Amino acid sequence: MPNSKLTDRFGRTVNYVRLSVTDRCDFRCVYCMAEEMTFLPRQQVLTLEEIARVAKTFVSLGTEKIRLTGGEPLVRKDVIELVREIGTYGLRDFAMTTNGSQLPTMAEPLRKAGLKRLNISLDSLDPEKFASITRTGKLSRVLEGIDAAKDAGFKGIKLNTVVMKGGNDHEVPDLIEFARKKNVDITFIEEMPLGEISEHDRGQALCTSDEVRDIVRQHHDLMPTPEDSGGPARYYRMSDSPIKVGFISPHSHNFCSTCNRVRVTVEGRLLLCLGNEHSVDLRRVLRGHPVTDDKLRQTIIDSMDLKPERHHFSSNGDVQILRFMNMTGG
């Protein structure tokens, strides 16, 4: 792997890229998108070949970790072919974030294509609550998908739970027990203020990582661990279980000083920060220079000067970013 050429103005090395393969999803999670969404026209969406070009160029610049996101990446036609291609790039870590609905049939093909790890969203173990949060999702299908991922032999499986006060915070102990039983890691995430929503007041629903940790500690000891997945989570272990419990805290414990990642939306916008609108149009470069990646490479290098020092999420429910999470890319 070449030495990274991607260093921003604050001395942070960027070696982790999250690539969105679609803005579409078969769920309509209340914290992620509106119930009635308008999706991008096909011509505005990067082709799988263009996404692969972006991935390969980032790898040539020292990227060691790529995560495929959405929307729901597994609703993109022929996504297995993209996984198979990127799987040949020699990455230290190659992962995907998914809602799990397609895993009953796709877990094994994904692993065989070269995907190494899966993050599976699971916000409730109550079928009715799950349906309320996802609007269109079936809990039984996701649970089947988690088992399929385990059966397929994925070594790295992690559950992701967005905790909302008065919504699913009372389920934290049950979710911990589920993760322990399945022998998979779990990460609890503070809700991020992306996109206008009407289902709940984000300011009132914010459940901080400290509050979630306090809930867990009523049932289990938690010991900090120095382990690092290359992302923003802080991890803990329990003395009587091999699993890790992670916390992602964009509000209460800002992780910007160690930010090592950028995102590329499915329309080819390189986002330098989740909580800012700083971005660069890679689609224009890709389509303006279809034969060589030299211009794409230089554009990515130059973009590092736009990466801000930190995001500024407020915890009072205000929306700083108007794009929804499905547009941002997981």
Protein backbone atom coordinates (compact mmCIF):
# COMPACT_ATOMS: atom_id res chain seq x y z
CA MET A 1 0.00 0.00 0.00
CA PRO A 2 1.53 3.38 -0.96
CA ASN A 3 2.11 6.06 1.63
CA SER A 4 -0.97 8.23 1.95
CA LYS A 5 -0.91 11.47 0.02
CA LEU A 6 -4.19 12.59 1.57
CA THR A 7 -3.43 14.86 4.51
CA ASP A 8 -5.60 17.83 5.40
CA ARG A 9 -4.62 21.26 6.73
CA PHE A 10 -4.88 20.01 10.31
CA GLY A 11 -2.43 17.15 9.87
CA ARG A 12 -5.09 14.42 9.73
CA THR A 13 -4.46 11.54 7.36
CA VAL A 14 -7.51 10.48 5.36
CA ASN A 15 -7.38 6.74 4.70
CA TYR A 16 -11.05 5.73 5.02
CA VAL A 17 -13.71 6.36 2.35
CA ARG A 18 -17.43 5.71 2.57
CA LEU A 19 -18.91 5.21 -0.90
CA SER A 20 -22.66 5.47 -1.40
CA VAL A 21 -23.89 3.18 -4.16
CA THR A 22 -27.54 4.36 -4.12
CA ASP A 23 -29.83 6.91 -2.49
CA ARG A 24 -32.70 4.41 -2.65
CA CYS A 25 -33.82 2.16 0.17
CA ASP A 26 -36.53 -0.38 0.89
CA PHE A 27 -36.99 1.13 4.38
CA ARG A 28 -38.02 4.68 5.30
CA CYS A 29 -36.41 5.03 8.73
CA VAL A 30 -37.75 8.08 10.55
CA TYR A 31 -34.28 9.50 11.38
CA CYS A 32 -32.95 8.97 7.86
CA MET A 33 -35.50 10.12 5.29
CA ALA A 34 -38.99 11.40 4.69
CA GLU A 35 -41.82 8.94 4.12
CA GLU A 36 -42.37 10.23 0.58
CA MET A 37 -38.95 10.63 -0.98
CA THR A 38 -37.95 11.92 -4.40
CA PHE A 39 -34.93 9.95 -5.57
CA LEU A 40 -32.23 10.98 -8.02
CA PRO A 41 -32.77 10.54 -11.77
CA ARG A 42 -30.64 7.70 -13.14
CA GLN A 43 -28.33 9.97 -15.18
CA GLN A 44 -27.31 11.85 -12.04
CA VAL A 45 -26.20 8.65 -10.31
CA LEU A 46 -22.68 7.32 -10.72
CA THR A 47 -22.45 4.07 -12.66
CA LEU A 48 -20.89 1.09 -10.89
CA GLU A 49 -17.87 1.52 -13.16
CA GLU A 50 -17.53 5.15 -12.06
CA ILE A 51 -17.80 4.15 -8.39
CA ALA A 52 -15.06 1.57 -8.96
CA ARG A 53 -12.86 4.25 -10.58
CA VAL A 54 -13.31 6.47 -7.53
CA ALA A 55 -12.50 3.57 -5.20
CA LYS A 56 -9.38 2.56 -7.13
CA THR A 57 -8.12 6.14 -7.23
CA PHE A 58 -8.57 6.55 -3.49
CA VAL A 59 -6.70 3.27 -2.93
CA SER A 60 -3.84 4.62 -5.06
CA LEU A 61 -3.74 7.57 -2.65
CA GLY A 62 -3.35 5.41 0.44
CA THR A 63 -6.95 4.52 1.33
CA GLU A 64 -6.93 1.38 3.47
CA LYS A 65 -10.63 1.09 4.30
CA ILE A 66 -13.71 1.38 2.11
CA ARG A 67 -17.29 1.05 3.32
CA LEU A 68 -20.18 0.76 0.86
CA THR A 69 -23.31 2.56 2.00
CA GLY A 70 -26.62 3.87 0.70
CA GLY A 71 -29.58 4.34 1.00
CA GLU A 72 -29.57 0.57 1.15
CA PRO A 73 -26.62 -0.65 -0.94
CA LEU A 74 -28.13 -4.08 -1.56
CA VAL A 75 -31.05 -2.68 -3.57
CA ARG A 76 -28.59 -1.47 -6.24
CA LYS A 77 -28.68 -3.82 -9.22
CA ASP A 78 -25.43 -5.73 -9.77
CA VAL A 79 -23.86 -4.44 -6.55
CA ILE A 80 -22.18 -7.85 -6.13
CA GLU A 81 -20.10 -7.08 -9.22
CA LEU A 82 -18.90 -3.85 -7.62
CA VAL A 83 -18.02 -5.73 -4.42
CA ARG A 84 -16.10 -8.29 -6.46
CA GLU A 85 -14.12 -5.53 -8.21
CA ILE A 86 -13.26 -3.53 -5.09
CA GLY A 87 -12.44 -6.79 -3.32
CA THR A 88 -9.37 -7.10 -5.57
CA TYR A 89 -7.86 -3.76 -4.45
CA GLY A 90 -5.95 -5.13 -1.46
CA LEU A 91 -7.78 -3.14 1.22
CA ARG A 92 -7.04 -3.68 4.90
CA ASP A 93 -10.77 -3.41 5.58
CA PHE A 94 -13.72 -3.68 3.19
CA ALA A 95 -17.15 -3.29 4.77
CA MET A 96 -20.80 -2.49 4.07
CA THR A 97 -23.58 -0.85 6.06
CA THR A 98 -26.97 -2.46 5.41
CA ASN A 99 -30.45 -2.64 6.88
CA GLY A 100 -30.19 -6.42 6.61
CA SER A 101 -33.37 -6.98 4.61
CA GLN A 102 -31.56 -8.48 1.61
CA LEU A 103 -29.03 -10.53 3.57
CA PRO A 104 -31.06 -13.77 3.70
CA THR A 105 -30.21 -14.28 0.02
CA MET A 106 -27.16 -12.01 -0.43
CA ALA A 107 -24.95 -12.62 2.61
CA GLU A 108 -23.11 -15.60 1.14
CA PRO A 109 -22.56 -14.05 -2.33
CA LEU A 110 -21.22 -10.89 -0.66
CA ARG A 111 -18.70 -12.79 1.42
CA LYS A 112 -17.58 -14.86 -1.56
CA ALA A 113 -17.18 -11.65 -3.59
CA GLY A 114 -14.64 -10.34 -1.08
CA LEU A 115 -16.59 -8.27 1.45
CA LYS A 116 -14.99 -8.58 4.89
CA ARG A 117 -17.39 -6.97 7.38
CA LEU A 118 -21.04 -6.01 7.78
CA ASN A 119 -22.71 -3.31 9.86
CA ILE A 120 -26.41 -4.17 10.19
CA SER A 121 -28.90 -1.58 11.43
CA LEU A 122 -31.15 -2.82 14.24
CA ASP A 123 -33.08 -0.19 16.18
CA SER A 124 -35.64 -2.38 17.93
CA LEU A 125 -36.39 -6.01 18.80
CA ASP A 126 -40.12 -5.26 19.03
CA PRO A 127 -41.84 -6.00 15.68
CA GLU A 128 -44.33 -3.13 16.04
CA LYS A 129 -41.71 -0.62 17.18
CA PHE A 130 -39.40 -1.79 14.39
CA ALA A 131 -42.18 -1.25 11.85
CA SER A 132 -42.85 2.20 13.32
CA ILE A 133 -39.19 3.27 13.09
CA THR A 134 -38.52 1.81 9.63
CA ARG A 135 -42.07 2.45 8.31
CA THR A 136 -41.74 -0.40 5.79
CA GLY A 137 -39.36 -2.92 7.41
CA LYS A 138 -40.04 -6.38 8.81
CA LEU A 139 -38.05 -7.31 11.90
CA SER A 140 -38.23 -11.04 11.14
CA ARG A 141 -36.53 -10.48 7.79
CA VAL A 142 -33.65 -8.54 9.38
CA LEU A 143 -33.17 -11.16 12.12
CA GLU A 144 -33.06 -13.80 9.38
CA GLY A 145 -30.45 -11.65 7.61
CA ILE A 146 -28.26 -11.46 10.72
CA ASP A 147 -28.31 -15.26 11.00
CA ALA A 148 -27.53 -15.56 7.28
CA ALA A 149 -24.49 -13.29 7.72
CA LYS A 150 -23.24 -15.46 10.57
CA ASP A 151 -23.84 -18.62 8.55
CA ALA A 152 -21.99 -17.13 5.58
CA GLY A 153 -18.86 -16.86 7.73
CA PHE A 154 -18.48 -13.11 8.12
CA LYS A 155 -15.95 -12.63 10.91
CA GLY A 156 -16.87 -9.01 11.48
CA ILE A 157 -20.57 -8.37 12.12
CA LYS A 158 -21.72 -5.32 14.04
CA LEU A 159 -25.20 -4.11 14.89
CA ASN A 160 -25.88 -0.36 14.69
CA THR A 161 -28.61 1.17 16.87
CA VAL A 162 -29.69 4.82 16.71
CA VAL A 163 -30.97 5.53 20.23
CA MET A 164 -33.93 7.90 20.60
CA LYS A 165 -35.13 8.96 24.04
CA GLY A 166 -38.73 7.96 24.58
CA GLY A 167 -38.51 5.84 21.45
CA ASN A 168 -36.23 2.84 21.83
CA ASP A 169 -33.91 3.77 24.73
CA HIS A 170 -35.72 1.31 27.00
CA GLU A 171 -34.62 -1.48 24.65
CA VAL A 172 -30.88 -0.92 25.19
CA PRO A 173 -30.57 -3.81 27.72
CA ASP A 174 -32.46 -6.19 25.41
CA LEU A 175 -30.31 -5.19 22.43
CA ILE A 176 -27.16 -5.82 24.48
CA GLU A 177 -28.45 -9.27 25.45
CA PHE A 178 -29.31 -10.01 21.81
CA ALA A 179 -25.79 -9.04 20.69
CA ARG A 180 -24.26 -11.18 23.46
CA LYS A 181 -26.41 -14.15 22.47
CA LYS A 182 -25.54 -13.81 18.77
CA ASN A 183 -21.88 -13.07 19.58
CA VAL A 184 -21.82 -9.92 17.45
CA ASP A 185 -20.62 -6.42 18.32
CA ILE A 186 -23.07 -3.56 18.80
CA THR A 187 -22.70 0.22 18.51
CA PHE A 188 -25.12 2.80 19.87
CA ILE A 189 -25.34 6.04 17.86
CA GLU A 190 -26.58 9.50 18.76
CA GLU A 191 -29.10 10.71 16.18
CA MET A 192 -27.61 13.19 13.73
CA PRO A 193 -29.50 16.34 12.60
CA LEU A 194 -29.61 15.60 8.86
CA GLY A 195 -32.74 16.48 6.90
CA GLU A 196 -36.08 17.87 8.04
CA ILE A 197 -38.25 15.29 9.82
CA SER A 198 -41.68 15.53 11.46
CA GLU A 199 -42.05 12.26 13.40
CA HIS A 200 -40.20 13.38 16.53
CA ASP A 201 -38.41 16.35 18.09
CA ARG A 202 -34.70 15.64 17.74
CA GLY A 203 -33.81 17.96 20.58
CA GLN A 204 -36.04 16.08 22.99
CA ALA A 205 -35.19 12.65 21.52
CA LEU A 206 -31.41 13.01 21.79
CA CYS A 207 -30.11 10.23 24.01
CA THR A 208 -26.41 10.86 24.62
CA SER A 209 -23.78 8.14 24.69
CA ASP A 210 -23.20 8.85 28.38
CA GLU A 211 -26.87 8.15 29.07
CA VAL A 212 -26.77 4.92 27.07
CA ARG A 213 -23.58 3.84 28.86
CA ASP A 214 -25.31 4.44 32.19
CA ILE A 215 -28.18 2.19 31.08
CA VAL A 216 -25.78 -0.58 30.05
CA ARG A 217 -23.79 -0.29 33.30
CA GLN A 218 -26.94 -1.06 35.29
CA HIS A 219 -26.63 -4.57 33.86
CA HIS A 220 -22.98 -5.08 32.87
CA ASP A 221 -19.53 -3.77 33.64
CA LEU A 222 -17.96 -1.79 30.78
CA MET A 223 -14.20 -1.52 30.39
CA PRO A 224 -12.73 0.93 27.87
CA THR A 225 -10.66 -0.73 25.17
CA PRO A 226 -8.09 0.91 22.89
CA GLU A 227 -9.33 -1.09 19.90
CA ASP A 228 -9.98 1.01 16.82
CA SER A 229 -12.09 0.07 13.80
CA GLY A 230 -10.83 3.07 11.84
CA GLY A 231 -14.11 4.89 12.42
CA PRO A 232 -15.57 7.26 15.01
CA ALA A 233 -16.76 4.69 17.59
CA ARG A 234 -15.28 4.38 21.07
CA TYR A 235 -15.31 0.76 22.24
CA TYR A 236 -15.84 -1.04 25.54
CA ARG A 237 -15.74 -4.68 26.58
CA MET A 238 -17.54 -6.71 29.23
CA SER A 239 -15.70 -9.15 31.48
CA ASP A 240 -18.08 -12.01 30.70
CA SER A 241 -18.49 -11.63 26.92
CA PRO A 242 -16.16 -11.42 23.91
CA ILE A 243 -18.23 -8.79 22.10
CA LYS A 244 -17.42 -5.08 21.83
CA VAL A 245 -19.91 -2.32 22.68
CA GLY A 246 -19.32 0.90 20.76
CA PHE A 247 -20.60 4.44 21.09
CA ILE A 248 -20.69 7.06 18.31
CA SER A 249 -21.20 10.51 19.78
CA PRO A 250 -21.37 13.32 17.19
CA HIS A 251 -23.04 15.60 19.76
CA SER A 252 -21.63 14.80 23.18
CA HIS A 253 -18.08 13.62 22.46
CA ASN A 254 -16.90 15.28 19.28
CA PHE A 255 -14.57 12.95 17.36
CA CYS A 256 -13.38 15.49 14.78
CA SER A 257 -9.77 15.70 15.96
CA THR A 258 -9.14 12.15 14.76
CA CYS A 259 -11.35 12.23 11.66
CA ASN A 260 -9.73 10.07 8.99
CA ARG A 261 -12.62 9.74 6.54
CA VAL A 262 -14.51 11.31 3.69
CA ARG A 263 -17.73 10.34 1.92
CA VAL A 264 -18.68 10.13 -1.73
CA THR A 265 -22.40 10.43 -2.47
CA VAL A 266 -24.00 8.37 -5.21
CA GLU A 267 -24.17 11.48 -7.40
CA GLY A 268 -20.41 11.84 -7.07
CA ARG A 269 -20.09 14.63 -4.51
CA LEU A 270 -17.05 14.21 -2.31
CA LEU A 271 -18.17 15.29 1.17
CA LEU A 272 -15.25 16.36 3.33
CA CYS A 273 -17.33 16.39 6.52
CA LEU A 274 -20.61 14.78 7.58
CA GLY A 275 -21.72 17.95 9.37
CA ASN A 276 -20.73 20.55 6.78
CA GLU A 277 -21.62 21.23 3.17
CA HIS A 278 -17.99 21.34 1.97
CA SER A 279 -17.94 19.18 -1.16
CA VAL A 280 -16.30 18.63 -4.54
CA ASP A 281 -18.04 17.41 -7.72
CA LEU A 282 -16.24 14.21 -8.75
CA ARG A 283 -18.92 13.22 -11.27
CA ARG A 284 -18.02 16.18 -13.47
CA VAL A 285 -14.36 15.13 -13.37
CA LEU A 286 -15.15 11.46 -14.03
CA ARG A 287 -17.31 12.21 -17.04
CA GLY A 288 -15.07 14.97 -18.35
CA HIS A 289 -12.01 12.69 -18.24
CA PRO A 290 -13.25 9.18 -19.07
CA VAL A 291 -9.91 7.75 -20.25
CA THR A 292 -7.44 8.65 -17.50
CA ASP A 293 -7.79 9.12 -13.76
CA ASP A 294 -5.01 11.73 -13.44
CA LYS A 295 -7.46 14.65 -13.11
CA LEU A 296 -9.61 12.69 -10.64
CA ARG A 297 -6.56 11.90 -8.55
CA GLN A 298 -5.42 15.53 -8.43
CA THR A 299 -8.94 16.76 -7.64
CA ILE A 300 -9.10 14.43 -4.63
CA ILE A 301 -5.67 15.57 -3.42
CA ASP A 302 -6.65 19.24 -3.77
CA SER A 303 -9.96 18.65 -1.97
CA MET A 304 -8.16 17.97 1.31
CA ASP A 305 -7.71 21.73 1.73
CA LEU A 306 -11.50 22.03 2.05
CA LYS A 307 -11.84 19.56 4.92
CA PRO A 308 -12.99 21.62 7.94
CA GLU A 309 -11.54 21.25 11.40
CA ARG A 310 -14.82 20.06 12.92
CA HIS A 311 -18.55 19.78 12.56
CA HIS A 312 -20.96 21.85 14.65
CA PHE A 313 -24.01 19.74 15.41
CA SER A 314 -26.39 21.33 17.90
CA SER A 315 -28.35 19.21 20.33
CA ASN A 316 -31.51 21.33 20.37
CA GLY A 317 -33.06 19.67 17.33
CA ASP A 318 -32.01 22.32 14.80
CA VAL A 319 -31.14 21.01 11.35
CA GLN A 320 -27.78 22.26 10.13
CA ILE A 321 -27.72 20.04 7.05
CA LEU A 322 -30.77 19.84 4.79
CA ARG A 323 -29.71 16.66 2.95
CA PHE A 324 -31.10 13.44 4.36
CA MET A 325 -28.85 10.64 5.57
CA ASN A 326 -29.76 8.49 2.56
CA MET A 327 -28.29 11.24 0.35
CA THR A 328 -25.17 11.53 2.48
CA GLY A 329 -24.34 7.86 2.47
CA GLY A 330 -24.59 6.00 5.76
